[in-house]
Amino acid sequence: MTTNRPQALEPALAARPRRIDLAVEVPLPDADCRRLLALYGRGLSLRGDDLAPLIARTEGVSAAFIRELLRRAALFAADAGRGAAVAEEDLKEALHELLVDGGALTRSLLGAQGHRAS
């Protein structure tokens, strides 16, 4: 079982022996870990040597958010006829879509709860 909201677990379930044997908190990725962009971007040709601004804009997001960001950027690149060559504008468009257009629910579901839409 996994959850992003342990406080919402039914207390009887959480307190029952052998139902939950181990609780592990996985913190949000820090700037070094947000280099997951390279890991999740395998198979993509990420154009733009400097990902630092993108890494800075993804402060406070989960690894799932980063993965979805790259998935959407790859779709924008494919729609533009560039195949797997993801350009900086694809990443920016995907980030805007997730943080602004997607609204609070999308940010919450993908682990960017404290992130401001900007």
PDB file of N, CA and C in Angstrom:
ATOM      1  N   MET A   1       0.855  -1.159   0.000  1.00  0.00           N
ATOM      2  CA  MET A   1       0.000   0.000   0.000  1.00  0.00           C
ATOM      3  C   MET A   1       0.905   1.227   0.000  1.00  0.00           C
ATOM      4  N   THR A   2       0.558   2.211  -0.782  1.00  0.00           N
ATOM      5  CA  THR A   2       1.260   3.488  -0.763  1.00  0.00           C
ATOM      6  C   THR A   2       0.228   4.595  -0.678  1.00  0.00           C
ATOM      7  N   THR A   3       0.646   5.694  -0.093  1.00  0.00           N
ATOM      8  CA  THR A   3      -0.246   6.838   0.006  1.00  0.00           C
ATOM      9  C   THR A   3       0.575   8.113   0.123  1.00  0.00           C
ATOM     10  N   ASN A   4       0.024   9.170  -0.397  1.00  0.00           N
ATOM     11  CA  ASN A   4       0.601  10.492  -0.210  1.00  0.00           C
ATOM     12  C   ASN A   4      -0.061  11.192   0.969  1.00  0.00           C
ATOM     13  N   ARG A   5      -1.081  10.553   1.520  1.00  0.00           N
ATOM     14  CA  ARG A   5      -1.830  11.168   2.621  1.00  0.00           C
ATOM     15  C   ARG A   5      -2.036  10.175   3.763  1.00  0.00           C
ATOM     16  N   PRO A   6      -0.990   9.876   4.522  1.00  0.00           N
ATOM     17  CA  PRO A   6      -1.136   8.895   5.599  1.00  0.00           C
ATOM     18  C   PRO A   6      -2.133   9.327   6.666  1.00  0.00           C
ATOM     19  N   GLN A   7      -2.329  10.626   6.822  1.00  0.00           N
ATOM     20  CA  GLN A   7      -3.284  11.114   7.809  1.00  0.00           C
ATOM     21  C   GLN A   7      -4.713  10.747   7.448  1.00  0.00           C
ATOM     22  N   ALA A   8      -4.948  10.387   6.191  1.00  0.00           N
ATOM     23  CA  ALA A   8      -6.299  10.039   5.750  1.00  0.00           C
ATOM     24  C   ALA A   8      -6.600   8.544   5.882  1.00  0.00           C
ATOM     25  N   LEU A   9      -5.613   7.759   6.311  1.00  0.00           N
ATOM     26  CA  LEU A   9      -5.849   6.320   6.482  1.00  0.00           C
ATOM     27  C   LEU A   9      -6.855   6.073   7.594  1.00  0.00           C
ATOM     28  N   GLU A  10      -7.684   5.121   7.386  1.00  0.00           N
ATOM     29  CA  GLU A  10      -8.632   4.718   8.420  1.00  0.00           C
ATOM     30  C   GLU A  10      -7.828   4.276   9.641  1.00  0.00           C
ATOM     31  N   PRO A  11      -8.028   4.876  10.810  1.00  0.00           N
ATOM     32  CA  PRO A  11      -7.245   4.515  11.995  1.00  0.00           C
ATOM     33  C   PRO A  11      -7.302   3.025  12.339  1.00  0.00           C
ATOM     34  N   ALA A  12      -8.448   2.399  12.151  1.00  0.00           N
ATOM     35  CA  ALA A  12      -8.548   0.973  12.468  1.00  0.00           C
ATOM     36  C   ALA A  12      -7.645   0.153  11.542  1.00  0.00           C
ATOM     37  N   LEU A  13      -7.541   0.556  10.298  1.00  0.00           N
ATOM     38  CA  LEU A  13      -6.681  -0.138   9.362  1.00  0.00           C
ATOM     39  C   LEU A  13      -5.215   0.085   9.725  1.00  0.00           C
ATOM     40  N   ALA A  14      -4.858   1.321  10.002  1.00  0.00           N
ATOM     41  CA  ALA A  14      -3.465   1.649  10.293  1.00  0.00           C
ATOM     42  C   ALA A  14      -2.987   1.011  11.594  1.00  0.00           C
ATOM     43  N   ALA A  15      -3.878   0.841  12.568  1.00  0.00           N
ATOM     44  CA  ALA A  15      -3.483   0.310  13.868  1.00  0.00           C
ATOM     45  C   ALA A  15      -3.565  -1.216  13.940  1.00  0.00           C
ATOM     46  N   ARG A  16      -4.152  -1.837  12.971  1.00  0.00           N
ATOM     47  CA  ARG A  16      -4.329  -3.285  12.993  1.00  0.00           C
ATOM     48  C   ARG A  16      -3.002  -4.003  12.737  1.00  0.00           C
ATOM     49  N   PRO A  17      -2.641  -4.951  13.592  1.00  0.00           N
ATOM     50  CA  PRO A  17      -1.368  -5.652  13.423  1.00  0.00           C
ATOM     51  C   PRO A  17      -1.273  -6.350  12.069  1.00  0.00           C
ATOM     52  N   ARG A  18      -0.105  -6.315  11.485  1.00  0.00           N
ATOM     53  CA  ARG A  18       0.254  -6.985  10.245  1.00  0.00           C
ATOM     54  C   ARG A  18      -0.435  -6.422   9.008  1.00  0.00           C
ATOM     55  N   ARG A  19      -1.123  -5.322   9.131  1.00  0.00           N
ATOM     56  CA  ARG A  19      -1.712  -4.680   7.955  1.00  0.00           C
ATOM     57  C   ARG A  19      -0.683  -3.747   7.314  1.00  0.00           C
ATOM     58  N   ILE A  20      -0.029  -2.985   8.149  1.00  0.00           N
ATOM     59  CA  ILE A  20       1.024  -2.083   7.701  1.00  0.00           C
ATOM     60  C   ILE A  20       2.256  -2.425   8.523  1.00  0.00           C
ATOM     61  N   ASP A  21       3.202  -3.092   7.882  1.00  0.00           N
ATOM     62  CA  ASP A  21       4.386  -3.546   8.599  1.00  0.00           C
ATOM     63  C   ASP A  21       5.483  -2.496   8.666  1.00  0.00           C
ATOM     64  N   LEU A  22       5.512  -1.591   7.720  1.00  0.00           N
ATOM     65  CA  LEU A  22       6.598  -0.634   7.631  1.00  0.00           C
ATOM     66  C   LEU A  22       6.089   0.647   6.992  1.00  0.00           C
ATOM     67  N   ALA A  23       6.450   1.750   7.593  1.00  0.00           N
ATOM     68  CA  ALA A  23       6.116   3.048   7.010  1.00  0.00           C
ATOM     69  C   ALA A  23       7.424   3.732   6.643  1.00  0.00           C
ATOM     70  N   VAL A  24       7.518   4.136   5.392  1.00  0.00           N
ATOM     71  CA  VAL A  24       8.719   4.796   4.895  1.00  0.00           C
ATOM     72  C   VAL A  24       8.311   6.103   4.251  1.00  0.00           C
ATOM     73  N   GLU A  25       8.936   7.184   4.679  1.00  0.00           N
ATOM     74  CA  GLU A  25       8.678   8.475   4.059  1.00  0.00           C
ATOM     75  C   GLU A  25       9.724   8.713   2.979  1.00  0.00           C
ATOM     76  N   VAL A  26       9.262   9.011   1.799  1.00  0.00           N
ATOM     77  CA  VAL A  26      10.154   9.341   0.695  1.00  0.00           C
ATOM     78  C   VAL A  26      10.045  10.843   0.488  1.00  0.00           C
ATOM     79  N   PRO A  27      11.099  11.585   0.826  1.00  0.00           N
ATOM     80  CA  PRO A  27      11.013  13.036   0.707  1.00  0.00           C
ATOM     81  C   PRO A  27      10.992  13.489  -0.752  1.00  0.00           C
ATOM     82  N   LEU A  28      10.568  14.710  -0.949  1.00  0.00           N
ATOM     83  CA  LEU A  28      10.582  15.277  -2.296  1.00  0.00           C
ATOM     84  C   LEU A  28      12.029  15.416  -2.754  1.00  0.00           C
ATOM     85  N   PRO A  29      12.282  15.264  -4.037  1.00  0.00           N
ATOM     86  CA  PRO A  29      13.650  15.369  -4.538  1.00  0.00           C
ATOM     87  C   PRO A  29      14.227  16.771  -4.337  1.00  0.00           C
ATOM     88  N   ASP A  30      15.479  16.825  -3.869  1.00  0.00           N
ATOM     89  CA  ASP A  30      16.162  18.109  -3.787  1.00  0.00           C
ATOM     90  C   ASP A  30      16.739  18.436  -5.161  1.00  0.00           C
ATOM     91  N   ALA A  31      17.459  19.542  -5.276  1.00  0.00           N
ATOM     92  CA  ALA A  31      17.965  19.974  -6.585  1.00  0.00           C
ATOM     93  C   ALA A  31      18.828  18.901  -7.231  1.00  0.00           C
ATOM     94  N   ASP A  32      19.679  18.224  -6.452  1.00  0.00           N
ATOM     95  CA  ASP A  32      20.506  17.169  -7.031  1.00  0.00           C
ATOM     96  C   ASP A  32      19.655  16.014  -7.529  1.00  0.00           C
ATOM     97  N   CYS A  33      18.648  15.644  -6.753  1.00  0.00           N
ATOM     98  CA  CYS A  33      17.787  14.527  -7.153  1.00  0.00           C
ATOM     99  C   CYS A  33      16.880  14.901  -8.313  1.00  0.00           C
ATOM    100  N   ARG A  34      16.587  16.180  -8.473  1.00  0.00           N
ATOM    101  CA  ARG A  34      15.735  16.568  -9.593  1.00  0.00           C
ATOM    102  C   ARG A  34      16.471  16.413 -10.907  1.00  0.00           C
ATOM    103  N   ARG A  35      17.690  16.006 -10.846  1.00  0.00           N
ATOM    104  CA  ARG A  35      18.406  15.641 -12.063  1.00  0.00           C
ATOM    105  C   ARG A  35      17.828  14.325 -12.605  1.00  0.00           C
ATOM    106  N   LEU A  36      16.760  13.877 -11.964  1.00  0.00           N
ATOM    107  CA  LEU A  36      15.988  12.751 -12.496  1.00  0.00           C
ATOM    108  C   LEU A  36      15.558  13.035 -13.923  1.00  0.00           C
ATOM    109  N   LEU A  37      15.624  14.302 -14.291  1.00  0.00           N
ATOM    110  CA  LEU A  37      15.306  14.671 -15.667  1.00  0.00           C
ATOM    111  C   LEU A  37      16.120  13.817 -16.633  1.00  0.00           C
ATOM    112  N   ALA A  38      17.378  13.584 -16.296  1.00  0.00           N
ATOM    113  CA  ALA A  38      18.231  12.775 -17.177  1.00  0.00           C
ATOM    114  C   ALA A  38      17.791  11.315 -17.157  1.00  0.00           C
ATOM    115  N   LEU A  39      17.451  10.801 -15.976  1.00  0.00           N
ATOM    116  CA  LEU A  39      17.029   9.400 -15.872  1.00  0.00           C
ATOM    117  C   LEU A  39      15.704   9.177 -16.602  1.00  0.00           C
ATOM    118  N   TYR A  40      14.728   9.996 -16.293  1.00  0.00           N
ATOM    119  CA  TYR A  40      13.420   9.827 -16.918  1.00  0.00           C
ATOM    120  C   TYR A  40      13.435  10.242 -18.384  1.00  0.00           C
ATOM    121  N   GLY A  41      14.452  10.980 -18.776  1.00  0.00           N
ATOM    122  CA  GLY A  41      14.554  11.411 -20.157  1.00  0.00           C
ATOM    123  C   GLY A  41      15.327  10.455 -21.045  1.00  0.00           C
ATOM    124  N   ARG A  42      15.673   9.282 -20.506  1.00  0.00           N
ATOM    125  CA  ARG A  42      16.366   8.295 -21.343  1.00  0.00           C
ATOM    126  C   ARG A  42      15.520   7.981 -22.564  1.00  0.00           C
ATOM    127  N   GLY A  43      16.186   7.919 -23.694  1.00  0.00           N
ATOM    128  CA  GLY A  43      15.479   7.670 -24.940  1.00  0.00           C
ATOM    129  C   GLY A  43      15.043   8.951 -25.620  1.00  0.00           C
ATOM    130  N   LEU A  44      15.107  10.051 -24.875  1.00  0.00           N
ATOM    131  CA  LEU A  44      14.786  11.342 -25.463  1.00  0.00           C
ATOM    132  C   LEU A  44      16.088  12.074 -25.737  1.00  0.00           C
ATOM    133  N   SER A  45      16.072  12.875 -26.743  1.00  0.00           N
ATOM    134  CA  SER A  45      17.218  13.722 -27.027  1.00  0.00           C
ATOM    135  C   SER A  45      16.883  15.091 -26.456  1.00  0.00           C
ATOM    136  N   LEU A  46      17.279  15.312 -25.194  1.00  0.00           N
ATOM    137  CA  LEU A  46      16.970  16.579 -24.537  1.00  0.00           C
ATOM    138  C   LEU A  46      17.895  17.654 -25.078  1.00  0.00           C
ATOM    139  N   ARG A  47      17.319  18.625 -25.754  1.00  0.00           N
ATOM    140  CA  ARG A  47      18.121  19.719 -26.290  1.00  0.00           C
ATOM    141  C   ARG A  47      18.134  20.854 -25.280  1.00  0.00           C
ATOM    142  N   GLY A  48      19.212  21.564 -25.253  1.00  0.00           N
ATOM    143  CA  GLY A  48      19.363  22.639 -24.278  1.00  0.00           C
ATOM    144  C   GLY A  48      20.302  22.153 -23.205  1.00  0.00           C
ATOM    145  N   ASP A  49      21.510  22.680 -23.197  1.00  0.00           N
ATOM    146  CA  ASP A  49      22.533  22.195 -22.282  1.00  0.00           C
ATOM    147  C   ASP A  49      22.277  22.580 -20.842  1.00  0.00           C
ATOM    148  N   ASP A  50      21.554  23.671 -20.631  1.00  0.00           N
ATOM    149  CA  ASP A  50      21.408  24.168 -19.277  1.00  0.00           C
ATOM    150  C   ASP A  50      20.009  23.870 -18.746  1.00  0.00           C
ATOM    151  N   LEU A  51      19.914  22.835 -17.944  1.00  0.00           N
ATOM    152  CA  LEU A  51      18.621  22.489 -17.350  1.00  0.00           C
ATOM    153  C   LEU A  51      18.441  23.146 -15.983  1.00  0.00           C
ATOM    154  N   ALA A  52      19.428  23.946 -15.549  1.00  0.00           N
ATOM    155  CA  ALA A  52      19.375  24.561 -14.221  1.00  0.00           C
ATOM    156  C   ALA A  52      18.100  25.377 -13.979  1.00  0.00           C
ATOM    157  N   PRO A  53      17.667  26.211 -14.932  1.00  0.00           N
ATOM    158  CA  PRO A  53      16.423  26.962 -14.687  1.00  0.00           C
ATOM    159  C   PRO A  53      15.212  26.035 -14.499  1.00  0.00           C
ATOM    160  N   LEU A  54      15.159  24.967 -15.264  1.00  0.00           N
ATOM    161  CA  LEU A  54      14.052  24.015 -15.123  1.00  0.00           C
ATOM    162  C   LEU A  54      14.130  23.308 -13.778  1.00  0.00           C
ATOM    163  N   ILE A  55      15.325  22.937 -13.379  1.00  0.00           N
ATOM    164  CA  ILE A  55      15.508  22.287 -12.080  1.00  0.00           C
ATOM    165  C   ILE A  55      15.065  23.234 -10.967  1.00  0.00           C
ATOM    166  N   ALA A  56      15.401  24.518 -11.097  1.00  0.00           N
ATOM    167  CA  ALA A  56      14.982  25.495 -10.090  1.00  0.00           C
ATOM    168  C   ALA A  56      13.464  25.632 -10.046  1.00  0.00           C
ATOM    169  N   ARG A  57      12.803  25.610 -11.209  1.00  0.00           N
ATOM    170  CA  ARG A  57      11.338  25.759 -11.251  1.00  0.00           C
ATOM    171  C   ARG A  57      10.603  24.546 -10.717  1.00  0.00           C
ATOM    172  N   THR A  58      11.298  23.404 -10.615  1.00  0.00           N
ATOM    173  CA  THR A  58      10.634  22.197 -10.133  1.00  0.00           C
ATOM    174  C   THR A  58      10.869  21.967  -8.643  1.00  0.00           C
ATOM    175  N   GLU A  59      11.314  22.990  -7.937  1.00  0.00           N
ATOM    176  CA  GLU A  59      11.487  22.837  -6.494  1.00  0.00           C
ATOM    177  C   GLU A  59      10.138  22.537  -5.850  1.00  0.00           C
ATOM    178  N   GLY A  60      10.102  21.543  -4.978  1.00  0.00           N
ATOM    179  CA  GLY A  60       8.877  21.185  -4.265  1.00  0.00           C
ATOM    180  C   GLY A  60       7.992  20.208  -4.993  1.00  0.00           C
ATOM    181  N   VAL A  61       8.453  19.622  -6.102  1.00  0.00           N
ATOM    182  CA  VAL A  61       7.631  18.647  -6.825  1.00  0.00           C
ATOM    183  C   VAL A  61       8.163  17.238  -6.584  1.00  0.00           C
ATOM    184  N   SER A  62       7.328  16.268  -6.831  1.00  0.00           N
ATOM    185  CA  SER A  62       7.693  14.865  -6.633  1.00  0.00           C
ATOM    186  C   SER A  62       8.375  14.293  -7.871  1.00  0.00           C
ATOM    187  N   ALA A  63       8.945  13.120  -7.702  1.00  0.00           N
ATOM    188  CA  ALA A  63       9.538  12.416  -8.840  1.00  0.00           C
ATOM    189  C   ALA A  63       8.462  12.094  -9.880  1.00  0.00           C
ATOM    190  N   ALA A  64       7.245  11.801  -9.433  1.00  0.00           N
ATOM    191  CA  ALA A  64       6.144  11.529 -10.362  1.00  0.00           C
ATOM    192  C   ALA A  64       5.841  12.756 -11.214  1.00  0.00           C
ATOM    193  N   PHE A  65       5.935  13.933 -10.628  1.00  0.00           N
ATOM    194  CA  PHE A  65       5.719  15.171 -11.371  1.00  0.00           C
ATOM    195  C   PHE A  65       6.776  15.312 -12.455  1.00  0.00           C
ATOM    196  N   ILE A  66       8.032  15.050 -12.112  1.00  0.00           N
ATOM    197  CA  ILE A  66       9.122  15.171 -13.081  1.00  0.00           C
ATOM    198  C   ILE A  66       8.926  14.191 -14.228  1.00  0.00           C
ATOM    199  N   ARG A  67       8.505  12.993 -13.890  1.00  0.00           N
ATOM    200  CA  ARG A  67       8.259  11.997 -14.941  1.00  0.00           C
ATOM    201  C   ARG A  67       7.147  12.442 -15.884  1.00  0.00           C
ATOM    202  N   GLU A  68       6.071  12.964 -15.314  1.00  0.00           N
ATOM    203  CA  GLU A  68       4.954  13.442 -16.140  1.00  0.00           C
ATOM    204  C   GLU A  68       5.378  14.649 -16.966  1.00  0.00           C
ATOM    205  N   LEU A  69       6.202  15.507 -16.408  1.00  0.00           N
ATOM    206  CA  LEU A  69       6.716  16.660 -17.142  1.00  0.00           C
ATOM    207  C   LEU A  69       7.446  16.213 -18.403  1.00  0.00           C
ATOM    208  N   LEU A  70       8.302  15.218 -18.267  1.00  0.00           N
ATOM    209  CA  LEU A  70       9.049  14.732 -19.423  1.00  0.00           C
ATOM    210  C   LEU A  70       8.157  14.002 -20.416  1.00  0.00           C
ATOM    211  N   ARG A  71       7.165  13.289 -19.915  1.00  0.00           N
ATOM    212  CA  ARG A  71       6.235  12.596 -20.812  1.00  0.00           C
ATOM    213  C   ARG A  71       5.491  13.612 -21.688  1.00  0.00           C
ATOM    214  N   ARG A  72       5.019  14.672 -21.053  1.00  0.00           N
ATOM    215  CA  ARG A  72       4.283  15.691 -21.805  1.00  0.00           C
ATOM    216  C   ARG A  72       5.197  16.447 -22.765  1.00  0.00           C
ATOM    217  N   ALA A  73       6.414  16.736 -22.335  1.00  0.00           N
ATOM    218  CA  ALA A  73       7.366  17.428 -23.211  1.00  0.00           C
ATOM    219  C   ALA A  73       7.656  16.568 -24.445  1.00  0.00           C
ATOM    220  N   ALA A  74       7.765  15.261 -24.242  1.00  0.00           N
ATOM    221  CA  ALA A  74       8.000  14.352 -25.370  1.00  0.00           C
ATOM    222  C   ALA A  74       6.811  14.373 -26.328  1.00  0.00           C
ATOM    223  N   LEU A  75       5.606  14.470 -25.799  1.00  0.00           N
ATOM    224  CA  LEU A  75       4.422  14.558 -26.662  1.00  0.00           C
ATOM    225  C   LEU A  75       4.425  15.854 -27.469  1.00  0.00           C
ATOM    226  N   PHE A  76       4.824  16.965 -26.839  1.00  0.00           N
ATOM    227  CA  PHE A  76       4.899  18.239 -27.565  1.00  0.00           C
ATOM    228  C   PHE A  76       5.941  18.148 -28.676  1.00  0.00           C
ATOM    229  N   ALA A  77       7.082  17.534 -28.394  1.00  0.00           N
ATOM    230  CA  ALA A  77       8.128  17.386 -29.413  1.00  0.00           C
ATOM    231  C   ALA A  77       7.621  16.527 -30.570  1.00  0.00           C
ATOM    232  N   ALA A  78       6.946  15.441 -30.250  1.00  0.00           N
ATOM    233  CA  ALA A  78       6.414  14.557 -31.295  1.00  0.00           C
ATOM    234  C   ALA A  78       5.367  15.285 -32.134  1.00  0.00           C
ATOM    235  N   ASP A  79       4.491  16.048 -31.473  1.00  0.00           N
ATOM    236  CA  ASP A  79       3.471  16.810 -32.204  1.00  0.00           C
ATOM    237  C   ASP A  79       4.097  17.848 -33.139  1.00  0.00           C
ATOM    238  N   ALA A  80       5.264  18.354 -32.742  1.00  0.00           N
ATOM    239  CA  ALA A  80       5.956  19.363 -33.561  1.00  0.00           C
ATOM    240  C   ALA A  80       6.795  18.714 -34.659  1.00  0.00           C
ATOM    241  N   GLY A  81       6.774  17.375 -34.719  1.00  0.00           N
ATOM    242  CA  GLY A  81       7.505  16.675 -35.757  1.00  0.00           C
ATOM    243  C   GLY A  81       8.983  16.487 -35.474  1.00  0.00           C
ATOM    244  N   ARG A  82       9.381  16.650 -34.209  1.00  0.00           N
ATOM    245  CA  ARG A  82      10.786  16.486 -33.848  1.00  0.00           C
ATOM    246  C   ARG A  82      11.092  15.108 -33.265  1.00  0.00           C
ATOM    247  N   GLY A  83      10.128  14.228 -33.268  1.00  0.00           N
ATOM    248  CA  GLY A  83      10.354  12.892 -32.707  1.00  0.00           C
ATOM    249  C   GLY A  83      10.715  12.964 -31.239  1.00  0.00           C
ATOM    250  N   ALA A  84      11.852  12.367 -30.882  1.00  0.00           N
ATOM    251  CA  ALA A  84      12.277  12.324 -29.483  1.00  0.00           C
ATOM    252  C   ALA A  84      13.212  13.472 -29.131  1.00  0.00           C
ATOM    253  N   ALA A  85      13.347  14.458 -30.011  1.00  0.00           N
ATOM    254  CA  ALA A  85      14.224  15.606 -29.747  1.00  0.00           C
ATOM    255  C   ALA A  85      13.443  16.661 -28.974  1.00  0.00           C
ATOM    256  N   VAL A  86      13.498  16.581 -27.653  1.00  0.00           N
ATOM    257  CA  VAL A  86      12.763  17.493 -26.786  1.00  0.00           C
ATOM    258  C   VAL A  86      13.552  18.789 -26.639  1.00  0.00           C
ATOM    259  N   ALA A  87      12.935  19.878 -27.017  1.00  0.00           N
ATOM    260  CA  ALA A  87      13.563  21.190 -26.935  1.00  0.00           C
ATOM    261  C   ALA A  87      13.159  21.885 -25.638  1.00  0.00           C
ATOM    262  N   GLU A  88      13.887  22.936 -25.327  1.00  0.00           N
ATOM    263  CA  GLU A  88      13.606  23.695 -24.105  1.00  0.00           C
ATOM    264  C   GLU A  88      12.174  24.220 -24.101  1.00  0.00           C
ATOM    265  N   GLU A  89      11.686  24.637 -25.275  1.00  0.00           N
ATOM    266  CA  GLU A  89      10.307  25.153 -25.324  1.00  0.00           C
ATOM    267  C   GLU A  89       9.282  24.058 -25.026  1.00  0.00           C
ATOM    268  N   ASP A  90       9.587  22.799 -25.349  1.00  0.00           N
ATOM    269  CA  ASP A  90       8.686  21.692 -25.016  1.00  0.00           C
ATOM    270  C   ASP A  90       8.612  21.515 -23.506  1.00  0.00           C
ATOM    271  N   LEU A  91       9.767  21.608 -22.859  1.00  0.00           N
ATOM    272  CA  LEU A  91       9.815  21.480 -21.397  1.00  0.00           C
ATOM    273  C   LEU A  91       9.068  22.631 -20.729  1.00  0.00           C
ATOM    274  N   LYS A  92       9.268  23.834 -21.234  1.00  0.00           N
ATOM    275  CA  LYS A  92       8.582  24.995 -20.660  1.00  0.00           C
ATOM    276  C   LYS A  92       7.077  24.885 -20.844  1.00  0.00           C
ATOM    277  N   GLU A  93       6.656  24.442 -22.035  1.00  0.00           N
ATOM    278  CA  GLU A  93       5.219  24.295 -22.304  1.00  0.00           C
ATOM    279  C   GLU A  93       4.603  23.225 -21.408  1.00  0.00           C
ATOM    280  N   ALA A  94       5.311  22.112 -21.246  1.00  0.00           N
ATOM    281  CA  ALA A  94       4.814  21.040 -20.374  1.00  0.00           C
ATOM    282  C   ALA A  94       4.739  21.511 -18.925  1.00  0.00           C
ATOM    283  N   LEU A  95       5.743  22.238 -18.475  1.00  0.00           N
ATOM    284  CA  LEU A  95       5.748  22.746 -17.102  1.00  0.00           C
ATOM    285  C   LEU A  95       4.594  23.717 -16.894  1.00  0.00           C
ATOM    286  N   HIS A  96       4.367  24.596 -17.850  1.00  0.00           N
ATOM    287  CA  HIS A  96       3.247  25.537 -17.750  1.00  0.00           C
ATOM    288  C   HIS A  96       1.921  24.786 -17.711  1.00  0.00           C
ATOM    289  N   GLU A  97       1.795  23.777 -18.549  1.00  0.00           N
ATOM    290  CA  GLU A  97       0.561  22.995 -18.581  1.00  0.00           C
ATOM    291  C   GLU A  97       0.295  22.335 -17.236  1.00  0.00           C
ATOM    292  N   LEU A  98       1.339  21.790 -16.614  1.00  0.00           N
ATOM    293  CA  LEU A  98       1.167  21.098 -15.340  1.00  0.00           C
ATOM    294  C   LEU A  98       0.929  22.060 -14.182  1.00  0.00           C
ATOM    295  N   LEU A  99       1.680  23.156 -14.149  1.00  0.00           N
ATOM    296  CA  LEU A  99       1.588  24.057 -13.004  1.00  0.00           C
ATOM    297  C   LEU A  99       0.463  25.078 -13.108  1.00  0.00           C
ATOM    298  N   VAL A 100       0.171  25.526 -14.305  1.00  0.00           N
ATOM    299  CA  VAL A 100      -0.815  26.593 -14.461  1.00  0.00           C
ATOM    300  C   VAL A 100      -2.129  26.052 -15.008  1.00  0.00           C
ATOM    301  N   ASP A 101      -2.075  25.478 -16.212  1.00  0.00           N
ATOM    302  CA  ASP A 101      -3.295  25.015 -16.865  1.00  0.00           C
ATOM    303  C   ASP A 101      -3.950  23.848 -16.131  1.00  0.00           C
ATOM    304  N   GLY A 102      -3.142  22.995 -15.532  1.00  0.00           N
ATOM    305  CA  GLY A 102      -3.670  21.812 -14.860  1.00  0.00           C
ATOM    306  C   GLY A 102      -4.430  22.127 -13.588  1.00  0.00           C
ATOM    307  N   GLY A 103      -4.133  23.248 -12.988  1.00  0.00           N
ATOM    308  CA  GLY A 103      -4.837  23.664 -11.782  1.00  0.00           C
ATOM    309  C   GLY A 103      -4.341  22.973 -10.531  1.00  0.00           C
ATOM    310  N   ALA A 104      -4.960  23.324  -9.433  1.00  0.00           N
ATOM    311  CA  ALA A 104      -4.547  22.839  -8.116  1.00  0.00           C
ATOM    312  C   ALA A 104      -4.663  21.323  -7.996  1.00  0.00           C
ATOM    313  N   LEU A 105      -5.687  20.735  -8.584  1.00  0.00           N
ATOM    314  CA  LEU A 105      -5.865  19.289  -8.477  1.00  0.00           C
ATOM    315  C   LEU A 105      -4.712  18.543  -9.138  1.00  0.00           C
ATOM    316  N   THR A 106      -4.325  18.962 -10.341  1.00  0.00           N
ATOM    317  CA  THR A 106      -3.204  18.313 -11.024  1.00  0.00           C
ATOM    318  C   THR A 106      -1.934  18.461 -10.211  1.00  0.00           C
ATOM    319  N   ARG A 107      -1.677  19.675  -9.695  1.00  0.00           N
ATOM    320  CA  ARG A 107      -0.481  19.884  -8.877  1.00  0.00           C
ATOM    321  C   ARG A 107      -0.499  18.975  -7.663  1.00  0.00           C
ATOM    322  N   SER A 108      -1.646  18.829  -7.050  1.00  0.00           N
ATOM    323  CA  SER A 108      -1.753  17.985  -5.864  1.00  0.00           C
ATOM    324  C   SER A 108      -1.554  16.514  -6.198  1.00  0.00           C
ATOM    325  N   LEU A 109      -2.199  16.040  -7.255  1.00  0.00           N
ATOM    326  CA  LEU A 109      -2.100  14.635  -7.636  1.00  0.00           C
ATOM    327  C   LEU A 109      -0.681  14.236  -8.024  1.00  0.00           C
ATOM    328  N   LEU A 110       0.067  15.167  -8.627  1.00  0.00           N
ATOM    329  CA  LEU A 110       1.417  14.859  -9.082  1.00  0.00           C
ATOM    330  C   LEU A 110       2.492  15.265  -8.087  1.00  0.00           C
ATOM    331  N   GLY A 111       2.089  15.696  -6.913  1.00  0.00           N
ATOM    332  CA  GLY A 111       3.070  15.962  -5.872  1.00  0.00           C
ATOM    333  C   GLY A 111       3.702  17.333  -5.919  1.00  0.00           C
ATOM    334  N   ALA A 112       2.955  18.322  -6.303  1.00  0.00           N
ATOM    335  CA  ALA A 112       3.463  19.699  -6.275  1.00  0.00           C
ATOM    336  C   ALA A 112       2.525  20.550  -5.427  1.00  0.00           C
ATOM    337  N   GLN A 113       2.119  20.001  -4.291  1.00  0.00           N
ATOM    338  CA  GLN A 113       1.094  20.647  -3.465  1.00  0.00           C
ATOM    339  C   GLN A 113       1.455  22.069  -3.076  1.00  0.00           C
ATOM    340  N   GLY A 114       2.692  22.305  -2.661  1.00  0.00           N
ATOM    341  CA  GLY A 114       3.075  23.627  -2.202  1.00  0.00           C
ATOM    342  C   GLY A 114       3.561  24.529  -3.315  1.00  0.00           C
ATOM    343  N   HIS A 115       3.536  24.053  -4.529  1.00  0.00           N
ATOM    344  CA  HIS A 115       4.072  24.813  -5.644  1.00  0.00           C
ATOM    345  C   HIS A 115       3.044  25.825  -6.124  1.00  0.00           C
ATOM    346  N   ARG A 116       3.507  27.032  -6.366  1.00  0.00           N
ATOM    347  CA  ARG A 116       2.620  28.083  -6.862  1.00  0.00           C
ATOM    348  C   ARG A 116       2.518  28.025  -8.364  1.00  0.00           C
ATOM    349  N   ALA A 117       1.354  28.289  -8.864  1.00  0.00           N
ATOM    350  CA  ALA A 117       1.183  28.415 -10.314  1.00  0.00           C
ATOM    351  C   ALA A 117       1.754  29.764 -10.714  1.00  0.00           C
ATOM    352  N   SER A 118       2.792  29.737 -11.549  1.00  0.00           N
ATOM    353  CA  SER A 118       3.376  31.013 -12.002  1.00  0.00           C
ATOM    354  C   SER A 118       3.921  30.853 -13.389  1.00  0.00           C
TER     355      SER A 118
END
